[in-house]
Amino acid sequence: MGTHVKNAWVRAVQRLESEYLSRMGMSLPIAALVIVVGADLLAGQDHFLTPGIVAAPALAAITVNWQRTLFISLLGAGIQAALSPYDGVTRIPDRDVLLGQLFAYAVVSVFSVYIAWRREAGAKAFTAIASVAEAAQHALMHPPEPRVGGVRLAVRYVSAADAAQIGGDLYAVLDTPHGVRALIGDVRGKGLAAVQTSAVVLGAFREAAYDEGGLAHVAARVDASVGRHVGTGDFITALFAQFDKEGSVELLHYGHVAPLRVSADGTVETLEPVDPWVPLGLAGMVAHGEPPEPWRVPLLPGDVLLLCTDGVIEARSPRDHTFYPLAERAAPLVAGSCDDLDGAAERLYADLLRHAGGSLSDDVVVLLLSAPSA
């Protein structure tokens, strides 16, 4: 399931939660009223247990909207008024007890209605922000189809800031006149600045991927765009890939996590760059040296190219604080999955979550690409 599918599941869960609260949310405050009234009647006259009704508005504040919270508050006040003669409150010469009870109940009721209103307003604001963030993520990433040109693919994109749904990791897979070209990258930093930098990188890559004849020229244009539009000191690790010949893939490294090649027989090989280079945006800090050249590696039918960001390999286990052993886990999770890359990506992400104890502290992109068919 891609990020857009994940977001659809989140919205579905939110709708179910809303429906559950609308149907069952009144049960807690009403149950509190029934319990207090029953206890008061069973205790007999002159025991004065009705102050416990103050729990009902407080429960309503966290389970229903402000209108229903107000209704519960008024209902509780009416019940207390009705039981006052039975409890002997009206026969107490000093009415300070009664006035204190009413004042405390009124204060709690007012605050409960206010809290319910704020909670409801916050939920609406969060939904609006999440919708805008999802639209921005779609506009920025353009989630690809399961097949681009002759290349099958599957991707998992998860932002550590889950409410935002977008972060500093990026990817793109394009079918161009020069073959299928892919990019995966990781922006230094987080938040809005990282998203803006991602937009610069992806925009430059989408233009250059169609115009430039060589992968090195594509990367050079992206690097130049980063130098013009991204602040000094910021950088982006990146890995470029080009599928232009059957049986192989061309790779170009800019300080990113090395890719893995997972063969159909379960062999996993880390494809270390022949000519490693600094991340995008840092070329000006290199005193000498030429920009990197692409290198070509075999990628046969049945092989899977596994690209990821450092949020994967740096995910720590809460039990022993070890990093996620991607190269060790990839074989049983990915090998032989060319016809079901989406299932392999789902298994890999689920295994990563288990290792990390159910939550991730950094953005994560997992991109699986299979060799072009004949």
Protein backbone atom coordinates (compact mmCIF):
# COMPACT_ATOMS: atom_id res chain seq x y z
CA MET A 1 0.00 0.00 0.00
CA GLY A 2 1.47 3.35 -1.06
CA THR A 3 1.24 6.53 0.96
CA HIS A 4 -2.00 7.56 -0.74
CA VAL A 5 -3.55 4.20 0.13
CA LYS A 6 -2.25 4.50 3.70
CA ASN A 7 -3.88 7.92 4.00
CA ALA A 8 -7.16 6.48 2.73
CA TRP A 9 -6.99 3.86 5.49
CA VAL A 10 -6.30 6.59 8.05
CA ARG A 11 -9.35 8.52 6.89
CA ALA A 12 -11.45 5.36 7.03
CA VAL A 13 -10.32 4.66 10.59
CA GLN A 14 -11.10 8.25 11.56
CA ARG A 15 -14.60 7.90 10.09
CA LEU A 16 -15.14 4.67 12.02
CA GLU A 17 -13.97 6.34 15.22
CA SER A 18 -16.33 9.24 14.59
CA GLU A 19 -19.26 6.88 13.96
CA TYR A 20 -18.38 4.90 17.08
CA LEU A 21 -18.32 8.02 19.23
CA SER A 22 -21.60 9.26 17.77
CA ARG A 23 -23.30 5.94 18.57
CA MET A 24 -21.53 4.89 21.76
CA GLY A 25 -20.09 8.13 23.12
CA MET A 26 -23.21 8.95 25.16
CA SER A 27 -23.08 5.60 26.90
CA LEU A 28 -20.27 6.59 29.31
CA PRO A 29 -21.82 9.78 30.73
CA ILE A 30 -25.28 8.22 30.86
CA ALA A 31 -23.83 5.17 32.60
CA ALA A 32 -22.24 7.51 35.16
CA LEU A 33 -25.63 9.13 35.77
CA VAL A 34 -27.35 5.76 36.16
CA ILE A 35 -24.68 4.43 38.54
CA VAL A 36 -24.76 7.50 40.78
CA VAL A 37 -28.57 7.62 40.86
CA GLY A 38 -28.77 3.89 41.58
CA ALA A 39 -26.20 4.13 44.36
CA ASP A 40 -28.00 7.11 45.86
CA LEU A 41 -31.36 5.33 45.88
CA LEU A 42 -29.90 2.11 47.25
CA ALA A 43 -28.09 4.00 50.02
CA GLY A 44 -31.39 5.39 51.21
CA GLN A 45 -32.45 8.83 52.26
CA ASP A 46 -30.14 11.40 53.78
CA HIS A 47 -26.97 9.89 52.30
CA PHE A 48 -26.45 12.58 49.66
CA LEU A 49 -24.46 10.74 46.92
CA THR A 50 -25.63 12.89 44.01
CA PRO A 51 -22.46 15.06 43.91
CA GLY A 52 -20.93 12.10 42.05
CA ILE A 53 -23.01 13.16 39.04
CA VAL A 54 -20.25 15.71 38.36
CA ALA A 55 -18.37 12.88 36.59
CA ALA A 56 -20.98 12.75 33.80
CA PRO A 57 -20.17 16.13 32.14
CA ALA A 58 -16.45 15.41 32.41
CA LEU A 59 -16.89 12.07 30.61
CA ALA A 60 -19.10 13.67 27.99
CA ALA A 61 -16.40 16.25 27.25
CA ILE A 62 -14.05 13.54 25.96
CA THR A 63 -16.60 11.36 24.17
CA VAL A 64 -19.24 13.56 22.50
CA ASN A 65 -19.60 17.01 20.97
CA TRP A 66 -20.27 20.17 22.96
CA GLN A 67 -24.04 20.12 22.31
CA ARG A 68 -24.39 16.67 23.82
CA THR A 69 -22.08 17.63 26.66
CA LEU A 70 -24.40 20.55 27.42
CA PHE A 71 -27.38 18.19 27.34
CA ILE A 72 -25.67 15.81 29.80
CA SER A 73 -24.82 18.76 32.07
CA LEU A 74 -28.42 19.97 32.12
CA LEU A 75 -29.72 16.44 32.61
CA GLY A 76 -27.38 15.95 35.55
CA ALA A 77 -28.51 19.24 37.08
CA GLY A 78 -32.15 18.18 36.73
CA ILE A 79 -31.47 14.82 38.38
CA GLN A 80 -29.74 16.50 41.31
CA ALA A 81 -32.66 18.89 41.72
CA ALA A 82 -35.13 16.00 41.61
CA LEU A 83 -33.22 13.94 44.20
CA SER A 84 -32.54 16.85 46.59
CA PRO A 85 -35.78 16.35 48.61
CA TYR A 86 -35.16 12.58 48.77
CA ASP A 87 -31.61 13.11 50.04
CA GLY A 88 -32.79 15.64 52.62
CA VAL A 89 -30.72 18.47 51.17
CA THR A 90 -33.71 20.82 51.21
CA ARG A 91 -34.13 20.22 54.96
CA ILE A 92 -30.59 21.31 55.85
CA PRO A 93 -30.80 24.67 57.70
CA ASP A 94 -27.42 25.82 56.40
CA ARG A 95 -27.63 25.82 52.61
CA ASP A 96 -23.87 26.25 52.10
CA VAL A 97 -23.54 22.56 51.25
CA LEU A 98 -26.19 22.81 48.56
CA LEU A 99 -24.80 26.05 47.15
CA GLY A 100 -21.27 24.63 47.12
CA GLN A 101 -22.47 21.55 45.27
CA LEU A 102 -24.32 23.60 42.68
CA PHE A 103 -21.39 25.96 42.18
CA ALA A 104 -18.90 23.13 41.73
CA TYR A 105 -21.22 21.33 39.32
CA ALA A 106 -21.78 24.52 37.30
CA VAL A 107 -18.03 25.17 37.01
CA VAL A 108 -17.30 21.60 35.91
CA SER A 109 -20.17 21.71 33.42
CA VAL A 110 -19.00 24.96 31.85
CA PHE A 111 -15.43 23.70 31.52
CA SER A 112 -16.66 20.37 30.12
CA VAL A 113 -18.69 22.10 27.41
CA TYR A 114 -15.69 24.30 26.59
CA ILE A 115 -13.31 21.32 26.42
CA ALA A 116 -15.72 19.43 24.15
CA TRP A 117 -15.97 22.46 21.87
CA ARG A 118 -12.19 22.87 21.70
CA ARG A 119 -11.70 19.16 21.05
CA GLU A 120 -14.23 19.22 18.23
CA ALA A 121 -12.71 22.37 16.71
CA GLY A 122 -9.23 20.87 16.96
CA ALA A 123 -10.36 17.68 15.25
CA LYS A 124 -11.84 19.67 12.37
CA ALA A 125 -8.66 21.73 12.04
CA PHE A 126 -6.51 18.59 12.07
CA THR A 127 -8.65 17.01 9.35
CA ALA A 128 -8.33 20.12 7.20
CA ILE A 129 -4.55 20.28 7.69
CA ALA A 130 -4.17 16.57 6.95
CA SER A 131 -6.18 16.96 3.73
CA VAL A 132 -4.02 19.87 2.58
CA ALA A 133 -0.85 17.94 3.49
CA GLU A 134 -2.04 14.91 1.55
CA ALA A 135 -2.80 17.05 -1.49
CA ALA A 136 0.66 18.63 -1.20
CA GLN A 137 2.27 15.21 -0.91
CA HIS A 138 0.49 14.01 -4.05
CA ALA A 139 1.47 17.14 -5.96
CA LEU A 140 5.07 16.81 -4.82
CA MET A 141 5.67 13.09 -5.16
CA HIS A 142 3.31 12.04 -7.96
CA PRO A 143 3.04 8.42 -6.69
CA PRO A 144 3.89 6.24 -9.71
CA GLU A 145 1.88 3.37 -11.12
CA PRO A 146 2.98 -0.23 -10.37
CA ARG A 147 4.67 -0.28 -13.79
CA VAL A 148 6.61 2.56 -15.39
CA GLY A 149 7.81 1.76 -18.88
CA GLY A 150 9.23 -1.75 -18.68
CA VAL A 151 10.04 -1.51 -14.98
CA ARG A 152 7.87 -2.88 -12.21
CA LEU A 153 8.03 -1.06 -8.91
CA ALA A 154 6.57 -0.67 -5.45
CA VAL A 155 7.17 2.08 -2.91
CA ARG A 156 6.53 2.77 0.74
CA TYR A 157 6.76 6.39 1.83
CA VAL A 158 6.14 7.12 5.51
CA SER A 159 6.80 10.44 7.22
CA ALA A 160 7.91 10.36 10.84
CA ALA A 161 5.67 13.42 11.33
CA ASP A 162 2.60 11.37 10.59
CA ALA A 163 0.17 14.28 10.97
CA ALA A 164 1.98 16.08 8.20
CA GLN A 165 2.21 13.01 5.91
CA ILE A 166 5.12 14.65 4.08
CA GLY A 167 8.75 15.00 5.02
CA GLY A 168 12.29 15.36 3.73
CA ASP A 169 12.64 12.03 1.92
CA LEU A 170 11.88 11.99 -1.80
CA TYR A 171 11.63 9.68 -4.78
CA ALA A 172 10.55 9.75 -8.43
CA VAL A 173 10.34 7.19 -11.24
CA LEU A 174 9.88 8.50 -14.80
CA ASP A 175 9.55 6.92 -18.25
CA THR A 176 11.70 9.13 -20.48
CA PRO A 177 13.04 8.96 -24.05
CA HIS A 178 16.34 7.83 -22.51
CA GLY A 179 14.83 4.95 -20.54
CA VAL A 180 13.20 4.68 -17.14
CA ARG A 181 14.97 6.98 -14.72
CA ALA A 182 14.60 6.89 -10.95
CA LEU A 183 15.71 9.09 -8.09
CA ILE A 184 15.68 8.55 -4.35
CA GLY A 185 16.95 11.16 -1.93
CA ASP A 186 17.04 12.41 1.63
CA VAL A 187 17.01 16.09 2.51
CA ARG A 188 19.00 17.29 5.50
CA GLY A 189 16.56 18.50 8.13
CA LYS A 190 12.80 18.26 8.49
CA GLY A 191 9.70 20.37 8.36
CA LEU A 192 8.63 22.94 5.79
CA ALA A 193 12.21 23.81 4.76
CA ALA A 194 12.87 20.14 3.92
CA VAL A 195 9.65 19.93 1.92
CA GLN A 196 10.62 23.04 -0.05
CA THR A 197 14.03 21.55 -0.79
CA SER A 198 12.39 18.31 -1.92
CA ALA A 199 10.24 20.32 -4.33
CA VAL A 200 13.37 21.93 -5.82
CA VAL A 201 15.11 18.58 -6.29
CA LEU A 202 12.10 16.79 -7.75
CA GLY A 203 11.23 19.66 -10.08
CA ALA A 204 14.78 19.80 -11.42
CA PHE A 205 14.94 16.03 -11.83
CA ARG A 206 11.65 15.84 -13.73
CA GLU A 207 12.85 18.45 -16.20
CA ALA A 208 16.39 17.12 -16.60
CA ALA A 209 15.33 13.47 -16.85
CA TYR A 210 13.50 14.19 -20.10
CA ASP A 211 16.01 16.66 -21.56
CA GLU A 212 19.44 15.29 -20.76
CA GLY A 213 21.01 12.40 -22.63
CA GLY A 214 23.22 11.03 -19.86
CA LEU A 215 22.57 10.27 -16.21
CA ALA A 216 25.59 12.34 -15.19
CA HIS A 217 24.12 15.36 -16.99
CA VAL A 218 20.80 14.83 -15.23
CA ALA A 219 22.50 14.81 -11.83
CA ALA A 220 24.61 17.85 -12.74
CA ARG A 221 21.48 19.86 -13.59
CA VAL A 222 19.80 18.83 -10.35
CA ASP A 223 22.94 19.74 -8.41
CA ALA A 224 23.09 23.15 -10.12
CA SER A 225 19.44 23.79 -9.27
CA VAL A 226 20.10 22.90 -5.65
CA GLY A 227 23.03 25.32 -5.61
CA ARG A 228 20.79 28.13 -6.89
CA HIS A 229 17.70 27.57 -4.78
CA VAL A 230 18.76 25.80 -1.58
CA GLY A 231 20.43 27.55 1.34
CA THR A 232 24.14 27.27 1.99
CA GLY A 233 25.00 24.29 4.16
CA ASP A 234 21.89 22.33 3.25
CA PHE A 235 22.36 19.17 1.24
CA ILE A 236 20.52 16.19 -0.19
CA THR A 237 21.86 12.66 -0.43
CA ALA A 238 20.71 11.12 -3.69
CA LEU A 239 20.95 8.02 -5.83
CA PHE A 240 20.08 8.09 -9.53
CA ALA A 241 19.20 4.98 -11.57
CA GLN A 242 18.62 4.46 -15.27
CA PHE A 243 17.08 1.42 -16.95
CA ASP A 244 18.10 1.77 -20.58
CA LYS A 245 19.56 -1.64 -21.44
CA GLU A 246 18.16 -5.08 -20.83
CA GLY A 247 20.03 -7.03 -18.17
CA SER A 248 21.64 -4.08 -16.40
CA VAL A 249 21.00 -0.80 -14.60
CA GLU A 250 23.11 2.34 -14.47
CA LEU A 251 23.62 3.95 -11.07
CA LEU A 252 24.99 7.30 -9.93
CA HIS A 253 25.84 8.00 -6.29
CA TYR A 254 25.63 11.32 -4.42
CA GLY A 255 26.29 10.36 -0.82
CA HIS A 256 23.19 8.19 -0.46
CA VAL A 257 22.58 4.77 1.07
CA ALA A 258 24.03 2.10 -1.21
CA PRO A 259 21.37 0.06 -3.04
CA LEU A 260 20.91 -3.69 -2.70
CA ARG A 261 20.48 -6.22 -5.49
CA VAL A 262 18.31 -9.13 -4.37
CA SER A 263 18.57 -12.08 -6.76
CA ALA A 264 15.80 -14.57 -7.33
CA ASP A 265 17.81 -17.24 -5.47
CA GLY A 266 18.03 -15.05 -2.35
CA THR A 267 21.53 -13.69 -2.88
CA VAL A 268 21.81 -10.12 -1.57
CA GLU A 269 24.62 -7.85 -2.73
CA THR A 270 25.32 -4.29 -1.61
CA LEU A 271 26.13 -2.25 -4.70
CA GLU A 272 28.84 0.01 -3.38
CA PRO A 273 29.57 2.98 -5.67
CA VAL A 274 32.67 2.78 -7.81
CA ASP A 275 32.94 6.58 -7.74
CA PRO A 276 31.28 7.86 -4.54
CA TRP A 277 30.56 11.56 -4.31
CA VAL A 278 29.33 14.15 -1.85
CA PRO A 279 25.59 14.91 -1.52
CA LEU A 280 23.84 17.38 -3.78
CA GLY A 281 24.60 20.94 -2.72
CA LEU A 282 28.09 20.26 -1.34
CA ALA A 283 30.14 20.12 -4.54
CA GLY A 284 31.45 23.63 -3.89
CA MET A 285 33.15 22.39 -0.73
CA VAL A 286 35.27 19.87 -2.64
CA ALA A 287 38.61 21.47 -3.49
CA HIS A 288 39.60 19.03 -6.21
CA GLY A 289 38.03 16.20 -8.11
CA GLU A 290 35.62 15.65 -10.96
CA PRO A 291 31.92 14.94 -10.54
CA PRO A 292 31.12 11.24 -10.30
CA GLU A 293 30.53 8.98 -13.25
CA PRO A 294 27.72 6.41 -13.39
CA TRP A 295 28.56 2.75 -13.04
CA ARG A 296 26.64 -0.16 -14.52
CA VAL A 297 25.69 -3.36 -12.70
CA PRO A 298 23.90 -6.48 -13.93
CA LEU A 299 20.18 -6.69 -13.17
CA LEU A 300 18.71 -9.85 -14.62
CA PRO A 301 15.06 -10.86 -14.88
CA GLY A 302 14.05 -12.01 -11.41
CA ASP A 303 16.41 -9.59 -9.67
CA VAL A 304 15.07 -6.76 -7.51
CA LEU A 305 16.86 -3.47 -6.95
CA LEU A 306 16.18 -2.23 -3.42
CA LEU A 307 16.62 1.50 -2.77
CA CYS A 308 15.94 3.12 0.58
CA THR A 309 16.68 6.17 2.72
CA ASP A 310 18.68 6.18 5.92
CA GLY A 311 15.51 6.08 8.01
CA VAL A 312 15.46 2.35 7.18
CA ILE A 313 19.01 1.34 8.04
CA GLU A 314 19.17 3.66 11.07
CA ALA A 315 15.95 2.42 12.68
CA ARG A 316 16.89 1.14 16.13
CA SER A 317 15.40 -1.67 18.14
CA PRO A 318 14.09 -0.49 21.53
CA ARG A 319 15.21 -3.80 23.04
CA ASP A 320 18.93 -3.90 22.16
CA HIS A 321 19.37 -0.57 20.27
CA THR A 322 20.70 -2.32 17.17
CA PHE A 323 20.19 -0.85 13.70
CA TYR A 324 17.85 -2.58 11.27
CA PRO A 325 19.88 -5.26 9.44
CA LEU A 326 18.48 -4.59 5.99
CA ALA A 327 20.94 -6.73 4.05
CA GLU A 328 20.18 -9.71 6.30
CA ARG A 329 16.40 -9.31 6.25
CA ALA A 330 16.02 -8.50 2.55
CA ALA A 331 16.52 -12.02 1.17
CA PRO A 332 13.52 -13.82 2.76
CA LEU A 333 11.30 -10.74 2.40
CA VAL A 334 12.09 -9.68 -1.17
CA ALA A 335 13.69 -12.56 -3.11
CA GLY A 336 11.53 -13.97 -5.89
CA SER A 337 8.94 -11.20 -5.61
CA CYS A 338 9.17 -9.68 -9.09
CA ASP A 339 5.51 -10.47 -9.70
CA ASP A 340 4.45 -9.12 -6.29
CA LEU A 341 6.69 -6.20 -5.48
CA ASP A 342 3.92 -4.51 -3.53
CA GLY A 343 3.64 -7.50 -1.22
CA ALA A 344 7.42 -7.54 -0.76
CA ALA A 345 7.47 -3.84 0.11
CA GLU A 346 4.67 -4.39 2.61
CA ARG A 347 6.52 -7.30 4.24
CA LEU A 348 9.73 -5.29 4.43
CA TYR A 349 8.02 -2.28 5.97
CA ALA A 350 6.14 -4.46 8.48
CA ASP A 351 9.40 -6.14 9.47
CA LEU A 352 11.04 -2.73 9.88
CA LEU A 353 8.21 -1.60 12.17
CA ARG A 354 8.54 -4.73 14.28
CA HIS A 355 12.27 -4.15 14.66
CA ALA A 356 11.68 -0.50 15.64
CA GLY A 357 9.04 -1.39 18.22
CA GLY A 358 6.09 -0.13 16.19
CA SER A 359 7.18 3.47 15.55
CA LEU A 360 9.82 5.24 13.46
CA SER A 361 11.80 8.33 14.42
CA ASP A 362 12.76 9.30 10.86
CA ASP A 363 11.15 9.49 7.43
CA VAL A 364 11.32 6.28 5.44
CA VAL A 365 11.26 5.47 1.74
CA VAL A 366 11.55 1.91 0.46
CA LEU A 367 11.60 1.61 -3.34
CA LEU A 368 11.70 -1.76 -5.08
CA LEU A 369 12.44 -1.96 -8.82
CA SER A 370 12.52 -5.11 -10.91
CA ALA A 371 14.58 -5.69 -14.03
CA PRO A 372 12.91 -4.73 -17.31
CA SER A 373 11.12 -7.54 -19.04
CA ALA A 374 12.37 -8.81 -22.36
